[in-house]
Amino acid sequence: MYRPDTYRLLADATLLLHFAVVVFVVGGLILVLLGNRLRWRWVNALLFRVAHLVAVGVVVVQAWLGELCPLTVLESWLREQAGEAPYTASFIEHWVQRVLYYEAPLWVFTLLYSVFGLLVAAAWWYFPPVRKAPRVE
């Protein structure tokens, strides 16, 4: 059907998308905390906060259910189609082990995701989102 190069390109595109999601999840909390400290009103915009909360919620629920992220599954399948080795763990687990050479059981990642989710919930409560940002005059 497709050439291995096509699958490899699609797998790399999926990897970049997945990386962007991770940056949004982690960076979103940092932006909310830092932005409120620096009085950036846009960080409490309802749309941004709901999108961030949903993204974090999906990660936490997947971890508790022991499911891999669909982007991990897709990228792994595409890599297999390209003749490359698929992931043997979750996206984060794979890259943490690869970049930091650190191995941890799955429950450690589930705990980290859960604590992160609680931090996001605390930020939601402490810095509540607003429907419409007030005008800057």
N, C-alpha and C. Protein backbone atom coordinates (compact mmCIF):
# COMPACT_ATOMS: atom_id res chain seq x y z
N MET A 1 0.83 -1.19 0.00
CA MET A 1 0.00 0.00 0.00
C MET A 1 0.87 1.25 0.00
N TYR A 2 1.20 1.74 1.20
CA TYR A 2 2.05 2.92 1.29
C TYR A 2 3.50 2.49 1.45
N ARG A 3 4.39 3.36 1.09
CA ARG A 3 5.82 3.09 1.27
C ARG A 3 6.18 3.31 2.73
N PRO A 4 7.23 2.64 3.20
CA PRO A 4 7.67 2.83 4.60
C PRO A 4 7.96 4.29 4.93
N ASP A 5 8.47 5.05 3.95
CA ASP A 5 8.76 6.46 4.21
C ASP A 5 7.50 7.25 4.55
N THR A 6 6.38 6.89 3.93
CA THR A 6 5.11 7.57 4.20
C THR A 6 4.68 7.29 5.64
N TYR A 7 4.76 6.02 6.06
CA TYR A 7 4.40 5.66 7.43
C TYR A 7 5.33 6.35 8.42
N ARG A 8 6.60 6.40 8.11
CA ARG A 8 7.57 7.06 9.00
C ARG A 8 7.25 8.55 9.14
N LEU A 9 6.90 9.18 8.04
CA LEU A 9 6.53 10.60 8.06
C LEU A 9 5.27 10.83 8.89
N LEU A 10 4.28 9.96 8.70
CA LEU A 10 3.05 10.06 9.49
C LEU A 10 3.31 9.80 10.97
N ALA A 11 4.20 8.85 11.27
CA ALA A 11 4.55 8.57 12.66
C ALA A 11 5.26 9.77 13.28
N ASP A 12 6.15 10.40 12.54
CA ASP A 12 6.84 11.58 13.04
C ASP A 12 5.87 12.74 13.26
N ALA A 13 4.90 12.89 12.37
CA ALA A 13 3.89 13.94 12.53
C ALA A 13 3.05 13.67 13.78
N THR A 14 2.71 12.42 14.02
CA THR A 14 1.96 12.04 15.21
C THR A 14 2.79 12.31 16.46
N LEU A 15 4.08 12.02 16.40
CA LEU A 15 4.98 12.30 17.52
C LEU A 15 4.99 13.80 17.83
N LEU A 16 5.07 14.63 16.81
CA LEU A 16 5.07 16.09 17.02
C LEU A 16 3.75 16.57 17.62
N LEU A 17 2.64 16.01 17.13
CA LEU A 17 1.33 16.36 17.69
C LEU A 17 1.26 15.95 19.15
N HIS A 18 1.74 14.76 19.45
CA HIS A 18 1.71 14.26 20.81
C HIS A 18 2.58 15.13 21.73
N PHE A 19 3.74 15.52 21.23
CA PHE A 19 4.62 16.40 21.98
C PHE A 19 3.93 17.74 22.26
N ALA A 20 3.22 18.26 21.27
CA ALA A 20 2.49 19.52 21.44
C ALA A 20 1.41 19.39 22.51
N VAL A 21 0.74 18.24 22.55
CA VAL A 21 -0.28 18.01 23.57
C VAL A 21 0.36 17.99 24.96
N VAL A 22 1.51 17.31 25.07
CA VAL A 22 2.22 17.25 26.36
C VAL A 22 2.64 18.66 26.79
N VAL A 23 3.16 19.45 25.86
CA VAL A 23 3.55 20.83 26.18
C VAL A 23 2.33 21.63 26.63
N PHE A 24 1.20 21.45 25.97
CA PHE A 24 -0.02 22.15 26.36
C PHE A 24 -0.47 21.74 27.76
N VAL A 25 -0.42 20.44 28.06
CA VAL A 25 -0.85 19.95 29.37
C VAL A 25 0.05 20.50 30.47
N VAL A 26 1.35 20.34 30.31
CA VAL A 26 2.28 20.79 31.34
C VAL A 26 2.39 22.32 31.33
N GLY A 27 2.59 22.88 30.15
CA GLY A 27 2.74 24.33 30.04
C GLY A 27 1.49 25.09 30.42
N GLY A 28 0.32 24.48 30.22
CA GLY A 28 -0.93 25.13 30.57
C GLY A 28 -1.00 25.46 32.05
N LEU A 29 -0.61 24.53 32.89
CA LEU A 29 -0.62 24.78 34.33
C LEU A 29 0.41 25.85 34.69
N ILE A 30 1.58 25.77 34.09
CA ILE A 30 2.62 26.78 34.34
C ILE A 30 2.11 28.16 33.94
N LEU A 31 1.46 28.24 32.78
CA LEU A 31 0.93 29.53 32.32
C LEU A 31 -0.14 30.07 33.26
N VAL A 32 -1.00 29.20 33.76
CA VAL A 32 -2.05 29.66 34.68
C VAL A 32 -1.43 30.21 35.95
N LEU A 33 -0.48 29.49 36.51
CA LEU A 33 0.14 29.94 37.76
C LEU A 33 0.97 31.20 37.55
N LEU A 34 1.83 31.18 36.57
CA LEU A 34 2.69 32.32 36.28
C LEU A 34 1.86 33.52 35.79
N GLY A 35 0.91 33.25 34.91
CA GLY A 35 0.08 34.31 34.35
C GLY A 35 -0.73 35.03 35.40
N ASN A 36 -1.23 34.30 36.39
CA ASN A 36 -1.98 34.97 37.46
C ASN A 36 -1.05 35.78 38.35
N ARG A 37 0.13 35.30 38.54
CA ARG A 37 1.13 36.06 39.32
C ARG A 37 1.51 37.36 38.60
N LEU A 38 1.62 37.28 37.27
CA LEU A 38 2.00 38.45 36.47
C LEU A 38 0.79 39.24 35.98
N ARG A 39 -0.41 38.81 36.38
CA ARG A 39 -1.67 39.48 36.03
C ARG A 39 -1.98 39.45 34.53
N TRP A 40 -1.67 38.33 33.91
CA TRP A 40 -2.06 38.14 32.51
C TRP A 40 -3.50 37.65 32.54
N ARG A 41 -4.40 38.46 32.10
CA ARG A 41 -5.83 38.12 32.19
C ARG A 41 -6.22 36.95 31.28
N TRP A 42 -5.56 36.80 30.14
CA TRP A 42 -5.95 35.78 29.18
C TRP A 42 -5.79 34.36 29.70
N VAL A 43 -4.94 34.16 30.71
CA VAL A 43 -4.74 32.79 31.21
C VAL A 43 -5.96 32.24 31.94
N ASN A 44 -6.90 33.11 32.27
CA ASN A 44 -8.12 32.65 32.92
C ASN A 44 -9.32 32.63 31.96
N ALA A 45 -9.05 32.77 30.68
CA ALA A 45 -10.13 32.68 29.69
C ALA A 45 -10.77 31.30 29.77
N LEU A 46 -12.08 31.28 29.78
CA LEU A 46 -12.83 30.03 29.97
C LEU A 46 -12.45 28.97 28.93
N LEU A 47 -12.35 29.35 27.67
CA LEU A 47 -12.04 28.37 26.63
C LEU A 47 -10.67 27.71 26.87
N PHE A 48 -9.67 28.51 27.17
CA PHE A 48 -8.32 27.98 27.44
C PHE A 48 -8.35 27.05 28.64
N ARG A 49 -9.02 27.48 29.71
CA ARG A 49 -9.03 26.69 30.94
C ARG A 49 -9.81 25.39 30.78
N VAL A 50 -10.93 25.44 30.06
CA VAL A 50 -11.72 24.21 29.84
C VAL A 50 -10.92 23.23 28.97
N ALA A 51 -10.30 23.73 27.90
CA ALA A 51 -9.49 22.86 27.03
C ALA A 51 -8.37 22.22 27.83
N HIS A 52 -7.74 22.98 28.70
CA HIS A 52 -6.65 22.44 29.50
C HIS A 52 -7.17 21.40 30.49
N LEU A 53 -8.27 21.71 31.16
CA LEU A 53 -8.85 20.78 32.12
C LEU A 53 -9.26 19.47 31.44
N VAL A 54 -9.86 19.55 30.28
CA VAL A 54 -10.26 18.34 29.55
C VAL A 54 -9.03 17.52 29.16
N ALA A 55 -7.99 18.18 28.65
CA ALA A 55 -6.76 17.46 28.27
C ALA A 55 -6.15 16.74 29.46
N VAL A 56 -6.06 17.41 30.59
CA VAL A 56 -5.50 16.80 31.80
C VAL A 56 -6.41 15.67 32.27
N GLY A 57 -7.71 15.90 32.24
CA GLY A 57 -8.65 14.86 32.65
C GLY A 57 -8.53 13.59 31.82
N VAL A 58 -8.37 13.73 30.53
CA VAL A 58 -8.20 12.56 29.65
C VAL A 58 -6.94 11.79 30.04
N VAL A 59 -5.85 12.50 30.30
CA VAL A 59 -4.59 11.85 30.68
C VAL A 59 -4.77 11.07 31.99
N VAL A 60 -5.39 11.70 32.97
CA VAL A 60 -5.57 11.07 34.28
C VAL A 60 -6.48 9.84 34.17
N VAL A 61 -7.59 9.98 33.46
CA VAL A 61 -8.51 8.84 33.30
C VAL A 61 -7.84 7.69 32.57
N GLN A 62 -7.10 7.99 31.51
CA GLN A 62 -6.39 6.92 30.79
C GLN A 62 -5.40 6.21 31.71
N ALA A 63 -4.70 6.97 32.54
CA ALA A 63 -3.73 6.37 33.45
C ALA A 63 -4.43 5.45 34.45
N TRP A 64 -5.53 5.91 35.02
CA TRP A 64 -6.26 5.09 35.99
C TRP A 64 -6.85 3.84 35.35
N LEU A 65 -7.24 3.94 34.09
CA LEU A 65 -7.79 2.77 33.40
C LEU A 65 -6.70 1.85 32.84
N GLY A 66 -5.45 2.31 32.90
CA GLY A 66 -4.34 1.51 32.38
C GLY A 66 -4.31 1.48 30.87
N GLU A 67 -4.91 2.49 30.24
CA GLU A 67 -4.96 2.56 28.78
C GLU A 67 -3.85 3.46 28.24
N LEU A 68 -3.36 3.11 27.09
CA LEU A 68 -2.39 3.97 26.41
C LEU A 68 -3.14 5.07 25.67
N CYS A 69 -2.47 6.20 25.51
CA CYS A 69 -3.04 7.30 24.75
C CYS A 69 -3.24 6.86 23.30
N PRO A 70 -4.35 7.25 22.67
CA PRO A 70 -4.57 6.89 21.26
C PRO A 70 -3.45 7.39 20.34
N LEU A 71 -2.83 8.51 20.68
CA LEU A 71 -1.71 8.99 19.86
C LEU A 71 -0.50 8.07 19.98
N THR A 72 -0.28 7.50 21.16
CA THR A 72 0.80 6.53 21.34
C THR A 72 0.53 5.29 20.51
N VAL A 73 -0.70 4.82 20.57
CA VAL A 73 -1.09 3.62 19.81
C VAL A 73 -0.94 3.87 18.31
N LEU A 74 -1.41 5.01 17.85
CA LEU A 74 -1.32 5.35 16.42
C LEU A 74 0.14 5.45 15.98
N GLU A 75 0.95 6.18 16.73
CA GLU A 75 2.35 6.33 16.34
C GLU A 75 3.06 4.98 16.33
N SER A 76 2.79 4.17 17.32
CA SER A 76 3.42 2.84 17.40
C SER A 76 3.03 1.99 16.19
N TRP A 77 1.75 2.02 15.83
CA TRP A 77 1.28 1.26 14.66
C TRP A 77 1.95 1.77 13.39
N LEU A 78 2.03 3.09 13.24
CA LEU A 78 2.67 3.67 12.05
C LEU A 78 4.15 3.28 11.98
N ARG A 79 4.81 3.25 13.12
CA ARG A 79 6.23 2.86 13.14
C ARG A 79 6.37 1.38 12.74
N GLU A 80 5.46 0.57 13.21
CA GLU A 80 5.48 -0.85 12.81
C GLU A 80 5.31 -0.99 11.30
N GLN A 81 4.38 -0.23 10.74
CA GLN A 81 4.14 -0.28 9.29
C GLN A 81 5.36 0.18 8.51
N ALA A 82 6.15 1.06 9.13
CA ALA A 82 7.37 1.56 8.48
C ALA A 82 8.55 0.62 8.68
N GLY A 83 8.33 -0.48 9.41
CA GLY A 83 9.40 -1.44 9.66
C GLY A 83 10.26 -1.09 10.86
N GLU A 84 9.78 -0.17 11.68
CA GLU A 84 10.51 0.23 12.88
C GLU A 84 9.92 -0.46 14.10
N ALA A 85 10.65 -0.41 15.22
CA ALA A 85 10.17 -1.01 16.46
C ALA A 85 9.07 -0.14 17.07
N PRO A 86 7.96 -0.74 17.47
CA PRO A 86 6.89 0.03 18.11
C PRO A 86 7.24 0.32 19.57
N TYR A 87 6.48 1.23 20.20
CA TYR A 87 6.65 1.49 21.62
C TYR A 87 6.28 0.25 22.42
N THR A 88 6.96 0.06 23.53
CA THR A 88 6.60 -1.04 24.43
C THR A 88 5.99 -0.49 25.71
N ALA A 89 5.84 0.84 25.80
CA ALA A 89 5.28 1.49 26.98
C ALA A 89 4.48 2.71 26.53
N SER A 90 4.05 3.51 27.49
CA SER A 90 3.32 4.74 27.14
C SER A 90 4.29 5.75 26.54
N PHE A 91 3.75 6.77 25.92
CA PHE A 91 4.55 7.82 25.29
C PHE A 91 5.51 8.46 26.29
N ILE A 92 4.98 8.91 27.43
CA ILE A 92 5.80 9.58 28.44
C ILE A 92 6.83 8.60 29.00
N GLU A 93 6.38 7.41 29.34
CA GLU A 93 7.28 6.40 29.89
C GLU A 93 8.41 6.10 28.92
N HIS A 94 8.08 5.96 27.65
CA HIS A 94 9.08 5.67 26.61
C HIS A 94 10.13 6.78 26.54
N TRP A 95 9.66 8.03 26.48
CA TRP A 95 10.60 9.15 26.31
C TRP A 95 11.35 9.49 27.59
N VAL A 96 10.72 9.31 28.75
CA VAL A 96 11.45 9.53 30.00
C VAL A 96 12.58 8.51 30.10
N GLN A 97 12.27 7.26 29.79
CA GLN A 97 13.31 6.23 29.83
C GLN A 97 14.39 6.49 28.80
N ARG A 98 13.99 6.95 27.64
CA ARG A 98 14.95 7.17 26.56
C ARG A 98 15.83 8.40 26.81
N VAL A 99 15.22 9.47 27.30
CA VAL A 99 15.97 10.71 27.51
C VAL A 99 16.72 10.68 28.84
N LEU A 100 16.08 10.22 29.89
CA LEU A 100 16.68 10.26 31.22
C LEU A 100 17.26 8.93 31.68
N TYR A 101 17.04 7.88 30.91
CA TYR A 101 17.50 6.54 31.28
C TYR A 101 16.97 6.14 32.66
N TYR A 102 15.72 6.45 32.89
CA TYR A 102 15.09 6.15 34.17
C TYR A 102 13.89 5.25 33.93
N GLU A 103 13.85 4.15 34.64
CA GLU A 103 12.71 3.25 34.51
C GLU A 103 11.90 3.28 35.80
N ALA A 104 10.61 3.30 35.65
CA ALA A 104 9.72 3.29 36.80
C ALA A 104 8.50 2.45 36.44
N PRO A 105 7.90 1.83 37.45
CA PRO A 105 6.67 1.06 37.18
C PRO A 105 5.53 1.99 36.75
N LEU A 106 4.56 1.42 36.10
CA LEU A 106 3.43 2.18 35.58
C LEU A 106 2.70 2.95 36.68
N TRP A 107 2.64 2.39 37.89
CA TRP A 107 1.92 3.07 38.97
C TRP A 107 2.55 4.42 39.31
N VAL A 108 3.86 4.56 39.11
CA VAL A 108 4.53 5.82 39.39
C VAL A 108 4.00 6.90 38.45
N PHE A 109 3.85 6.55 37.16
CA PHE A 109 3.32 7.51 36.19
C PHE A 109 1.86 7.84 36.48
N THR A 110 1.09 6.83 36.89
CA THR A 110 -0.31 7.07 37.26
C THR A 110 -0.39 8.02 38.44
N LEU A 111 0.48 7.83 39.43
CA LEU A 111 0.52 8.72 40.59
C LEU A 111 0.90 10.14 40.17
N LEU A 112 1.92 10.26 39.33
CA LEU A 112 2.34 11.59 38.86
C LEU A 112 1.22 12.29 38.10
N TYR A 113 0.55 11.57 37.21
CA TYR A 113 -0.56 12.16 36.45
C TYR A 113 -1.68 12.59 37.39
N SER A 114 -1.96 11.77 38.41
CA SER A 114 -3.03 12.08 39.36
C SER A 114 -2.70 13.32 40.18
N VAL A 115 -1.47 13.41 40.67
CA VAL A 115 -1.04 14.58 41.44
C VAL A 115 -1.10 15.82 40.55
N PHE A 116 -0.66 15.69 39.30
CA PHE A 116 -0.72 16.82 38.38
C PHE A 116 -2.17 17.24 38.17
N GLY A 117 -3.07 16.27 38.01
CA GLY A 117 -4.49 16.57 37.85
C GLY A 117 -5.05 17.31 39.07
N LEU A 118 -4.61 16.94 40.26
CA LEU A 118 -5.04 17.64 41.47
C LEU A 118 -4.50 19.07 41.51
N LEU A 119 -3.27 19.26 41.04
CA LEU A 119 -2.71 20.62 40.95
C LEU A 119 -3.53 21.49 39.99
N VAL A 120 -3.93 20.90 38.87
CA VAL A 120 -4.75 21.65 37.91
C VAL A 120 -6.10 21.99 38.53
N ALA A 121 -6.70 21.04 39.26
CA ALA A 121 -7.97 21.31 39.93
C ALA A 121 -7.81 22.41 40.98
N ALA A 122 -6.70 22.39 41.71
CA ALA A 122 -6.44 23.43 42.71
C ALA A 122 -6.27 24.79 42.04
N ALA A 123 -5.58 24.81 40.91
CA ALA A 123 -5.41 26.07 40.17
C ALA A 123 -6.76 26.56 39.67
N TRP A 124 -7.63 25.65 39.26
CA TRP A 124 -8.98 26.00 38.80
C TRP A 124 -9.75 26.68 39.93
N TRP A 125 -9.60 26.13 41.14
CA TRP A 125 -10.32 26.67 42.29
C TRP A 125 -9.69 27.99 42.74
N TYR A 126 -8.36 28.04 42.82
CA TYR A 126 -7.67 29.22 43.32
C TYR A 126 -7.70 30.38 42.33
N PHE A 127 -7.57 30.06 41.05
CA PHE A 127 -7.64 31.06 39.98
C PHE A 127 -8.78 30.69 39.04
N PRO A 128 -10.02 30.97 39.42
CA PRO A 128 -11.15 30.52 38.61
C PRO A 128 -11.15 31.17 37.22
N PRO A 129 -11.58 30.40 36.23
CA PRO A 129 -11.68 30.98 34.88
C PRO A 129 -12.80 32.01 34.83
N VAL A 130 -12.70 32.87 33.83
CA VAL A 130 -13.74 33.88 33.63
C VAL A 130 -14.30 33.72 32.23
N ARG A 131 -15.59 33.99 32.12
CA ARG A 131 -16.25 33.86 30.81
C ARG A 131 -15.67 34.82 29.80
N LYS A 132 -15.47 36.04 30.22
CA LYS A 132 -14.97 37.06 29.31
C LYS A 132 -13.93 37.88 30.05
N ALA A 133 -12.76 37.97 29.48
CA ALA A 133 -11.70 38.73 30.12
C ALA A 133 -12.09 40.21 30.16
N PRO A 134 -11.85 40.86 31.29
CA PRO A 134 -12.15 42.29 31.38
C PRO A 134 -11.28 43.08 30.41
N ARG A 135 -11.81 44.20 29.99
CA ARG A 135 -11.07 45.05 29.05
C ARG A 135 -9.87 45.70 29.73
N VAL A 136 -8.83 45.80 28.95
CA VAL A 136 -7.64 46.51 29.43
C VAL A 136 -7.77 47.94 28.93
N GLU A 137 -7.73 48.88 29.84
CA GLU A 137 -7.89 50.29 29.43
C GLU A 137 -6.64 51.07 29.71
